[in-house]
Amino acid sequence: MSIQRKPKTAVVAAQDAFIQGAPDAKIETEAKAVYEKGIQKGNKRQITLTIAPELLRKVDEAAKRTGQARAAVINMAIFRALEGDIFQS
């Protein structure tokens, strides 16, 4: 007798389809498939960042104040800077 997986129900299949439809669920997009810098950590890339102590203190204060992780604050700041008009020419 072999052990078999329980067949997926329509609800589980629908849940899987919903999760795979999330913007960050797909690893193999055109941009991500060719960009290999950093160390892969799930759907993200790990990098090394050198930062001034005073700026790091401000990041840590913002993280504590908002209940976010330091990395989340840095990611959001970079996203807003790149999507906003800071680097537009």
PDB file of N, CA and C in Angstrom:
ATOM      1  N   MET A   1       0.846  -1.172   0.000  1.00  0.00           N
ATOM      2  CA  MET A   1       0.000   0.000   0.000  1.00  0.00           C
ATOM      3  C   MET A   1       0.893   1.237   0.000  1.00  0.00           C
ATOM      4  N   SER A   2       0.647   2.148  -0.891  1.00  0.00           N
ATOM      5  CA  SER A   2       1.432   3.376  -0.962  1.00  0.00           C
ATOM      6  C   SER A   2       0.627   4.544  -0.397  1.00  0.00           C
ATOM      7  N   ILE A   3       1.364   5.516   0.080  1.00  0.00           N
ATOM      8  CA  ILE A   3       0.718   6.715   0.614  1.00  0.00           C
ATOM      9  C   ILE A   3       0.468   7.666  -0.550  1.00  0.00           C
ATOM     10  N   GLN A   4      -0.735   8.152  -0.639  1.00  0.00           N
ATOM     11  CA  GLN A   4      -1.087   9.066  -1.722  1.00  0.00           C
ATOM     12  C   GLN A   4      -1.533  10.396  -1.142  1.00  0.00           C
ATOM     13  N   ARG A   5      -1.259  11.445  -1.911  1.00  0.00           N
ATOM     14  CA  ARG A   5      -1.724  12.764  -1.500  1.00  0.00           C
ATOM     15  C   ARG A   5      -3.222  12.870  -1.679  1.00  0.00           C
ATOM     16  N   LYS A   6      -3.811  13.636  -0.794  1.00  0.00           N
ATOM     17  CA  LYS A   6      -5.232  13.913  -0.898  1.00  0.00           C
ATOM     18  C   LYS A   6      -5.449  14.812  -2.113  1.00  0.00           C
ATOM     19  N   PRO A   7      -6.394  14.502  -2.991  1.00  0.00           N
ATOM     20  CA  PRO A   7      -6.622  15.346  -4.166  1.00  0.00           C
ATOM     21  C   PRO A   7      -7.072  16.747  -3.752  1.00  0.00           C
ATOM     22  N   LYS A   8      -6.626  17.743  -4.526  1.00  0.00           N
ATOM     23  CA  LYS A   8      -6.998  19.129  -4.226  1.00  0.00           C
ATOM     24  C   LYS A   8      -8.475  19.341  -4.523  1.00  0.00           C
ATOM     25  N   THR A   9      -9.116  20.030  -3.609  1.00  0.00           N
ATOM     26  CA  THR A   9     -10.517  20.376  -3.823  1.00  0.00           C
ATOM     27  C   THR A   9     -10.570  21.671  -4.622  1.00  0.00           C
ATOM     28  N   ALA A  10     -11.737  22.036  -5.088  1.00  0.00           N
ATOM     29  CA  ALA A  10     -11.899  23.264  -5.857  1.00  0.00           C
ATOM     30  C   ALA A  10     -11.534  24.491  -5.016  1.00  0.00           C
ATOM     31  N   VAL A  11     -11.805  24.432  -3.706  1.00  0.00           N
ATOM     32  CA  VAL A  11     -11.496  25.557  -2.829  1.00  0.00           C
ATOM     33  C   VAL A  11      -9.988  25.727  -2.711  1.00  0.00           C
ATOM     34  N   VAL A  12      -9.258  24.635  -2.508  1.00  0.00           N
ATOM     35  CA  VAL A  12      -7.800  24.706  -2.389  1.00  0.00           C
ATOM     36  C   VAL A  12      -7.190  25.161  -3.706  1.00  0.00           C
ATOM     37  N   ALA A  13      -7.692  24.673  -4.809  1.00  0.00           N
ATOM     38  CA  ALA A  13      -7.192  25.094  -6.118  1.00  0.00           C
ATOM     39  C   ALA A  13      -7.434  26.582  -6.336  1.00  0.00           C
ATOM     40  N   ALA A  14      -8.593  27.070  -5.913  1.00  0.00           N
ATOM     41  CA  ALA A  14      -8.902  28.490  -6.042  1.00  0.00           C
ATOM     42  C   ALA A  14      -7.984  29.332  -5.151  1.00  0.00           C
ATOM     43  N   GLN A  15      -7.702  28.823  -3.956  1.00  0.00           N
ATOM     44  CA  GLN A  15      -6.781  29.533  -3.052  1.00  0.00           C
ATOM     45  C   GLN A  15      -5.384  29.599  -3.660  1.00  0.00           C
ATOM     46  N   ASP A  16      -4.904  28.498  -4.210  1.00  0.00           N
ATOM     47  CA  ASP A  16      -3.586  28.465  -4.845  1.00  0.00           C
ATOM     48  C   ASP A  16      -3.521  29.436  -6.023  1.00  0.00           C
ATOM     49  N   ALA A  17      -4.578  29.476  -6.825  1.00  0.00           N
ATOM     50  CA  ALA A  17      -4.620  30.380  -7.970  1.00  0.00           C
ATOM     51  C   ALA A  17      -4.601  31.838  -7.503  1.00  0.00           C
ATOM     52  N   PHE A  18      -5.314  32.135  -6.428  1.00  0.00           N
ATOM     53  CA  PHE A  18      -5.337  33.490  -5.883  1.00  0.00           C
ATOM     54  C   PHE A  18      -3.955  33.909  -5.394  1.00  0.00           C
ATOM     55  N   ILE A  19      -3.289  33.019  -4.667  1.00  0.00           N
ATOM     56  CA  ILE A  19      -1.952  33.313  -4.139  1.00  0.00           C
ATOM     57  C   ILE A  19      -0.958  33.501  -5.278  1.00  0.00           C
ATOM     58  N   GLN A  20      -1.008  32.665  -6.289  1.00  0.00           N
ATOM     59  CA  GLN A  20      -0.092  32.778  -7.413  1.00  0.00           C
ATOM     60  C   GLN A  20      -0.364  34.023  -8.253  1.00  0.00           C
ATOM     61  N   GLY A  21      -1.546  34.606  -8.120  1.00  0.00           N
ATOM     62  CA  GLY A  21      -1.884  35.812  -8.857  1.00  0.00           C
ATOM     63  C   GLY A  21      -1.372  37.083  -8.201  1.00  0.00           C
ATOM     64  N   ALA A  22      -0.821  36.972  -6.980  1.00  0.00           N
ATOM     65  CA  ALA A  22      -0.293  38.148  -6.289  1.00  0.00           C
ATOM     66  C   ALA A  22       0.917  38.694  -7.036  1.00  0.00           C
ATOM     67  N   PRO A  23       1.114  40.009  -7.019  1.00  0.00           N
ATOM     68  CA  PRO A  23       2.218  40.611  -7.770  1.00  0.00           C
ATOM     69  C   PRO A  23       3.592  40.088  -7.369  1.00  0.00           C
ATOM     70  N   ASP A  24       3.781  39.761  -6.089  1.00  0.00           N
ATOM     71  CA  ASP A  24       5.088  39.295  -5.641  1.00  0.00           C
ATOM     72  C   ASP A  24       5.216  37.771  -5.632  1.00  0.00           C
ATOM     73  N   ALA A  25       4.227  37.059  -6.126  1.00  0.00           N
ATOM     74  CA  ALA A  25       4.261  35.603  -6.108  1.00  0.00           C
ATOM     75  C   ALA A  25       5.053  35.018  -7.269  1.00  0.00           C
ATOM     76  N   LYS A  26       5.136  35.744  -8.369  1.00  0.00           N
ATOM     77  CA  LYS A  26       5.794  35.224  -9.560  1.00  0.00           C
ATOM     78  C   LYS A  26       7.265  35.612  -9.569  1.00  0.00           C
ATOM     79  N   ILE A  27       8.115  34.625  -9.459  1.00  0.00           N
ATOM     80  CA  ILE A  27       9.555  34.860  -9.432  1.00  0.00           C
ATOM     81  C   ILE A  27      10.090  35.071 -10.831  1.00  0.00           C
ATOM     82  N   GLU A  28       9.578  34.374 -11.799  1.00  0.00           N
ATOM     83  CA  GLU A  28      10.115  34.391 -13.154  1.00  0.00           C
ATOM     84  C   GLU A  28       9.457  35.441 -14.045  1.00  0.00           C
ATOM     85  N   THR A  29       9.683  36.697 -13.735  1.00  0.00           N
ATOM     86  CA  THR A  29       9.263  37.753 -14.649  1.00  0.00           C
ATOM     87  C   THR A  29      10.472  38.136 -15.476  1.00  0.00           C
ATOM     88  N   GLU A  30      10.289  38.899 -16.524  1.00  0.00           N
ATOM     89  CA  GLU A  30      11.393  39.257 -17.399  1.00  0.00           C
ATOM     90  C   GLU A  30      12.510  39.946 -16.645  1.00  0.00           C
ATOM     91  N   ALA A  31      12.183  40.917 -15.814  1.00  0.00           N
ATOM     92  CA  ALA A  31      13.206  41.673 -15.100  1.00  0.00           C
ATOM     93  C   ALA A  31      13.913  40.797 -14.066  1.00  0.00           C
ATOM     94  N   LYS A  32      13.178  40.000 -13.326  1.00  0.00           N
ATOM     95  CA  LYS A  32      13.772  39.179 -12.285  1.00  0.00           C
ATOM     96  C   LYS A  32      14.548  38.007 -12.861  1.00  0.00           C
ATOM     97  N   ALA A  33      14.171  37.519 -14.003  1.00  0.00           N
ATOM     98  CA  ALA A  33      14.836  36.357 -14.575  1.00  0.00           C
ATOM     99  C   ALA A  33      16.256  36.686 -15.017  1.00  0.00           C
ATOM    100  N   VAL A  34      16.528  37.920 -15.403  1.00  0.00           N
ATOM    101  CA  VAL A  34      17.845  38.276 -15.901  1.00  0.00           C
ATOM    102  C   VAL A  34      18.690  39.004 -14.855  1.00  0.00           C
ATOM    103  N   TYR A  35      18.130  39.465 -13.768  1.00  0.00           N
ATOM    104  CA  TYR A  35      18.878  40.220 -12.775  1.00  0.00           C
ATOM    105  C   TYR A  35      19.380  39.280 -11.692  1.00  0.00           C
ATOM    106  N   GLU A  36      20.683  39.102 -11.623  1.00  0.00           N
ATOM    107  CA  GLU A  36      21.259  38.098 -10.732  1.00  0.00           C
ATOM    108  C   GLU A  36      22.127  38.687  -9.623  1.00  0.00           C
ATOM    109  N   LYS A  37      22.128  40.001  -9.412  1.00  0.00           N
ATOM    110  CA  LYS A  37      22.974  40.585  -8.368  1.00  0.00           C
ATOM    111  C   LYS A  37      22.395  40.292  -6.991  1.00  0.00           C
ATOM    112  N   GLY A  38      23.255  40.183  -6.001  1.00  0.00           N
ATOM    113  CA  GLY A  38      22.837  39.876  -4.645  1.00  0.00           C
ATOM    114  C   GLY A  38      22.604  38.387  -4.468  1.00  0.00           C
ATOM    115  N   ILE A  39      22.297  38.010  -3.256  1.00  0.00           N
ATOM    116  CA  ILE A  39      22.043  36.610  -2.906  1.00  0.00           C
ATOM    117  C   ILE A  39      20.537  36.404  -2.840  1.00  0.00           C
ATOM    118  N   GLN A  40      20.039  35.409  -3.546  1.00  0.00           N
ATOM    119  CA  GLN A  40      18.595  35.156  -3.566  1.00  0.00           C
ATOM    120  C   GLN A  40      18.119  34.704  -2.193  1.00  0.00           C
ATOM    121  N   LYS A  41      17.082  35.366  -1.709  1.00  0.00           N
ATOM    122  CA  LYS A  41      16.411  35.022  -0.450  1.00  0.00           C
ATOM    123  C   LYS A  41      14.921  35.034  -0.726  1.00  0.00           C
ATOM    124  N   GLY A  42      14.365  33.890  -1.124  1.00  0.00           N
ATOM    125  CA  GLY A  42      12.953  33.831  -1.489  1.00  0.00           C
ATOM    126  C   GLY A  42      12.720  34.600  -2.769  1.00  0.00           C
ATOM    127  N   ASN A  43      11.798  35.542  -2.740  1.00  0.00           N
ATOM    128  CA  ASN A  43      11.491  36.368  -3.913  1.00  0.00           C
ATOM    129  C   ASN A  43      12.333  37.635  -3.969  1.00  0.00           C
ATOM    130  N   LYS A  44      13.258  37.799  -3.030  1.00  0.00           N
ATOM    131  CA  LYS A  44      14.044  39.021  -2.948  1.00  0.00           C
ATOM    132  C   LYS A  44      15.529  38.709  -3.086  1.00  0.00           C
ATOM    133  N   ARG A  45      16.350  39.758  -3.108  1.00  0.00           N
ATOM    134  CA  ARG A  45      17.802  39.644  -3.178  1.00  0.00           C
ATOM    135  C   ARG A  45      18.411  40.325  -1.962  1.00  0.00           C
ATOM    136  N   GLN A  46      19.359  39.645  -1.306  1.00  0.00           N
ATOM    137  CA  GLN A  46      20.063  40.208  -0.168  1.00  0.00           C
ATOM    138  C   GLN A  46      21.282  40.972  -0.670  1.00  0.00           C
ATOM    139  N   ILE A  47      21.455  42.202  -0.172  1.00  0.00           N
ATOM    140  CA  ILE A  47      22.602  43.029  -0.542  1.00  0.00           C
ATOM    141  C   ILE A  47      23.272  43.544   0.728  1.00  0.00           C
ATOM    142  N   THR A  48      24.447  44.128   0.565  1.00  0.00           N
ATOM    143  CA  THR A  48      25.127  44.782   1.668  1.00  0.00           C
ATOM    144  C   THR A  48      24.996  46.280   1.467  1.00  0.00           C
ATOM    145  N   LEU A  49      24.701  46.984   2.534  1.00  0.00           N
ATOM    146  CA  LEU A  49      24.487  48.428   2.462  1.00  0.00           C
ATOM    147  C   LEU A  49      25.337  49.103   3.524  1.00  0.00           C
ATOM    148  N   THR A  50      26.096  50.100   3.136  1.00  0.00           N
ATOM    149  CA  THR A  50      26.850  50.914   4.079  1.00  0.00           C
ATOM    150  C   THR A  50      26.082  52.211   4.260  1.00  0.00           C
ATOM    151  N   ILE A  51      25.852  52.592   5.523  1.00  0.00           N
ATOM    152  CA  ILE A  51      24.991  53.740   5.810  1.00  0.00           C
ATOM    153  C   ILE A  51      25.593  54.555   6.951  1.00  0.00           C
ATOM    154  N   ALA A  52      25.421  55.851   6.891  1.00  0.00           N
ATOM    155  CA  ALA A  52      25.927  56.737   7.940  1.00  0.00           C
ATOM    156  C   ALA A  52      25.206  56.443   9.265  1.00  0.00           C
ATOM    157  N   PRO A  53      25.933  56.497  10.390  1.00  0.00           N
ATOM    158  CA  PRO A  53      25.320  56.174  11.692  1.00  0.00           C
ATOM    159  C   PRO A  53      24.083  57.015  12.009  1.00  0.00           C
ATOM    160  N   GLU A  54      24.113  58.302  11.696  1.00  0.00           N
ATOM    161  CA  GLU A  54      22.969  59.165  11.990  1.00  0.00           C
ATOM    162  C   GLU A  54      21.751  58.785  11.152  1.00  0.00           C
ATOM    163  N   LEU A  55      21.985  58.434   9.892  1.00  0.00           N
ATOM    164  CA  LEU A  55      20.882  58.008   9.033  1.00  0.00           C
ATOM    165  C   LEU A  55      20.326  56.667   9.518  1.00  0.00           C
ATOM    166  N   LEU A  56      21.196  55.768   9.954  1.00  0.00           N
ATOM    167  CA  LEU A  56      20.754  54.482  10.485  1.00  0.00           C
ATOM    168  C   LEU A  56      19.913  54.679  11.738  1.00  0.00           C
ATOM    169  N   ARG A  57      20.319  55.625  12.594  1.00  0.00           N
ATOM    170  CA  ARG A  57      19.540  55.908  13.806  1.00  0.00           C
ATOM    171  C   ARG A  57      18.137  56.383  13.436  1.00  0.00           C
ATOM    172  N   LYS A  58      18.043  57.238  12.430  1.00  0.00           N
ATOM    173  CA  LYS A  58      16.733  57.739  11.987  1.00  0.00           C
ATOM    174  C   LYS A  58      15.880  56.615  11.400  1.00  0.00           C
ATOM    175  N   VAL A  59      16.518  55.713  10.652  1.00  0.00           N
ATOM    176  CA  VAL A  59      15.793  54.561  10.087  1.00  0.00           C
ATOM    177  C   VAL A  59      15.263  53.686  11.214  1.00  0.00           C
ATOM    178  N   ASP A  60      16.117  53.422  12.212  1.00  0.00           N
ATOM    179  CA  ASP A  60      15.693  52.593  13.341  1.00  0.00           C
ATOM    180  C   ASP A  60      14.564  53.249  14.135  1.00  0.00           C
ATOM    181  N   GLU A  61      14.627  54.567  14.295  1.00  0.00           N
ATOM    182  CA  GLU A  61      13.553  55.277  14.993  1.00  0.00           C
ATOM    183  C   GLU A  61      12.237  55.178  14.218  1.00  0.00           C
ATOM    184  N   ALA A  62      12.312  55.333  12.903  1.00  0.00           N
ATOM    185  CA  ALA A  62      11.098  55.214  12.073  1.00  0.00           C
ATOM    186  C   ALA A  62      10.542  53.799  12.142  1.00  0.00           C
ATOM    187  N   ALA A  63      11.427  52.819  12.138  1.00  0.00           N
ATOM    188  CA  ALA A  63      10.983  51.423  12.224  1.00  0.00           C
ATOM    189  C   ALA A  63      10.286  51.156  13.551  1.00  0.00           C
ATOM    190  N   LYS A  64      10.873  51.638  14.623  1.00  0.00           N
ATOM    191  CA  LYS A  64      10.269  51.429  15.945  1.00  0.00           C
ATOM    192  C   LYS A  64       8.930  52.157  16.052  1.00  0.00           C
ATOM    193  N   ARG A  65       8.892  53.387  15.566  1.00  0.00           N
ATOM    194  CA  ARG A  65       7.676  54.198  15.638  1.00  0.00           C
ATOM    195  C   ARG A  65       6.523  53.578  14.851  1.00  0.00           C
ATOM    196  N   THR A  66       6.839  52.967  13.707  1.00  0.00           N
ATOM    197  CA  THR A  66       5.787  52.408  12.854  1.00  0.00           C
ATOM    198  C   THR A  66       5.557  50.916  13.079  1.00  0.00           C
ATOM    199  N   GLY A  67       6.403  50.294  13.893  1.00  0.00           N
ATOM    200  CA  GLY A  67       6.258  48.865  14.139  1.00  0.00           C
ATOM    201  C   GLY A  67       6.717  48.009  12.968  1.00  0.00           C
ATOM    202  N   GLN A  68       7.569  48.571  12.125  1.00  0.00           N
ATOM    203  CA  GLN A  68       8.075  47.856  10.952  1.00  0.00           C
ATOM    204  C   GLN A  68       9.503  47.390  11.215  1.00  0.00           C
ATOM    205  N   ALA A  69       9.964  46.478  10.394  1.00  0.00           N
ATOM    206  CA  ALA A  69      11.358  46.059  10.440  1.00  0.00           C
ATOM    207  C   ALA A  69      12.218  47.113   9.745  1.00  0.00           C
ATOM    208  N   ARG A  70      13.484  47.178  10.112  1.00  0.00           N
ATOM    209  CA  ARG A  70      14.406  48.121   9.475  1.00  0.00           C
ATOM    210  C   ARG A  70      14.408  47.928   7.965  1.00  0.00           C
ATOM    211  N   ALA A  71      14.467  46.677   7.514  1.00  0.00           N
ATOM    212  CA  ALA A  71      14.497  46.397   6.076  1.00  0.00           C
ATOM    213  C   ALA A  71      13.238  46.900   5.382  1.00  0.00           C
ATOM    214  N   ALA A  72      12.100  46.800   6.055  1.00  0.00           N
ATOM    215  CA  ALA A  72      10.850  47.269   5.461  1.00  0.00           C
ATOM    216  C   ALA A  72      10.868  48.781   5.280  1.00  0.00           C
ATOM    217  N   VAL A  73      11.412  49.500   6.256  1.00  0.00           N
ATOM    218  CA  VAL A  73      11.499  50.959   6.156  1.00  0.00           C
ATOM    219  C   VAL A  73      12.430  51.347   5.007  1.00  0.00           C
ATOM    220  N   ILE A  74      13.566  50.688   4.909  1.00  0.00           N
ATOM    221  CA  ILE A  74      14.520  50.984   3.833  1.00  0.00           C
ATOM    222  C   ILE A  74      13.911  50.660   2.482  1.00  0.00           C
ATOM    223  N   ASN A  75      13.251  49.504   2.363  1.00  0.00           N
ATOM    224  CA  ASN A  75      12.606  49.126   1.102  1.00  0.00           C
ATOM    225  C   ASN A  75      11.553  50.143   0.691  1.00  0.00           C
ATOM    226  N   MET A  76      10.736  50.596   1.632  1.00  0.00           N
ATOM    227  CA  MET A  76       9.685  51.561   1.315  1.00  0.00           C
ATOM    228  C   MET A  76      10.290  52.895   0.892  1.00  0.00           C
ATOM    229  N   ALA A  77      11.344  53.328   1.573  1.00  0.00           N
ATOM    230  CA  ALA A  77      11.983  54.595   1.218  1.00  0.00           C
ATOM    231  C   ALA A  77      12.579  54.530  -0.184  1.00  0.00           C
ATOM    232  N   ILE A  78      13.218  53.428  -0.508  1.00  0.00           N
ATOM    233  CA  ILE A  78      13.788  53.267  -1.850  1.00  0.00           C
ATOM    234  C   ILE A  78      12.675  53.236  -2.890  1.00  0.00           C
ATOM    235  N   PHE A  79      11.622  52.484  -2.607  1.00  0.00           N
ATOM    236  CA  PHE A  79      10.495  52.397  -3.545  1.00  0.00           C
ATOM    237  C   PHE A  79       9.903  53.781  -3.805  1.00  0.00           C
ATOM    238  N   ARG A  80       9.647  54.530  -2.739  1.00  0.00           N
ATOM    239  CA  ARG A  80       9.046  55.864  -2.900  1.00  0.00           C
ATOM    240  C   ARG A  80       9.985  56.813  -3.633  1.00  0.00           C
ATOM    241  N   ALA A  81      11.281  56.706  -3.376  1.00  0.00           N
ATOM    242  CA  ALA A  81      12.247  57.562  -4.062  1.00  0.00           C
ATOM    243  C   ALA A  81      12.280  57.245  -5.556  1.00  0.00           C
ATOM    244  N   LEU A  82      12.258  55.979  -5.903  1.00  0.00           N
ATOM    245  CA  LEU A  82      12.342  55.588  -7.311  1.00  0.00           C
ATOM    246  C   LEU A  82      11.035  55.801  -8.051  1.00  0.00           C
ATOM    247  N   GLU A  83       9.903  55.602  -7.381  1.00  0.00           N
ATOM    248  CA  GLU A  83       8.603  55.775  -8.024  1.00  0.00           C
ATOM    249  C   GLU A  83       8.160  57.242  -8.035  1.00  0.00           C
ATOM    250  N   GLY A  84       8.701  58.023  -7.132  1.00  0.00           N
ATOM    251  CA  GLY A  84       8.357  59.445  -7.058  1.00  0.00           C
ATOM    252  C   GLY A  84       9.181  60.239  -8.052  1.00  0.00           C
ATOM    253  N   ASP A  85       9.355  61.497  -7.754  1.00  0.00           N
ATOM    254  CA  ASP A  85      10.057  62.364  -8.711  1.00  0.00           C
ATOM    255  C   ASP A  85      11.483  62.694  -8.285  1.00  0.00           C
ATOM    256  N   ILE A  86      12.023  62.021  -7.308  1.00  0.00           N
ATOM    257  CA  ILE A  86      13.371  62.328  -6.830  1.00  0.00           C
ATOM    258  C   ILE A  86      14.421  62.081  -7.903  1.00  0.00           C
ATOM    259  N   PHE A  87      14.339  60.992  -8.625  1.00  0.00           N
ATOM    260  CA  PHE A  87      15.356  60.635  -9.611  1.00  0.00           C
ATOM    261  C   PHE A  87      14.898  60.811 -11.055  1.00  0.00           C
ATOM    262  N   GLN A  88      13.793  61.506 -11.247  1.00  0.00           N
ATOM    263  CA  GLN A  88      13.293  61.743 -12.609  1.00  0.00           C
ATOM    264  C   GLN A  88      14.151  62.822 -13.257  1.00  0.00           C
ATOM    265  N   SER A  89      14.461  62.631 -14.523  1.00  0.00           N
ATOM    266  CA  SER A  89      15.285  63.632 -15.217  1.00  0.00           C
ATOM    267  C   SER A  89      14.470  64.549 -16.083  1.00  0.00           C
TER     268      SER A  89
END
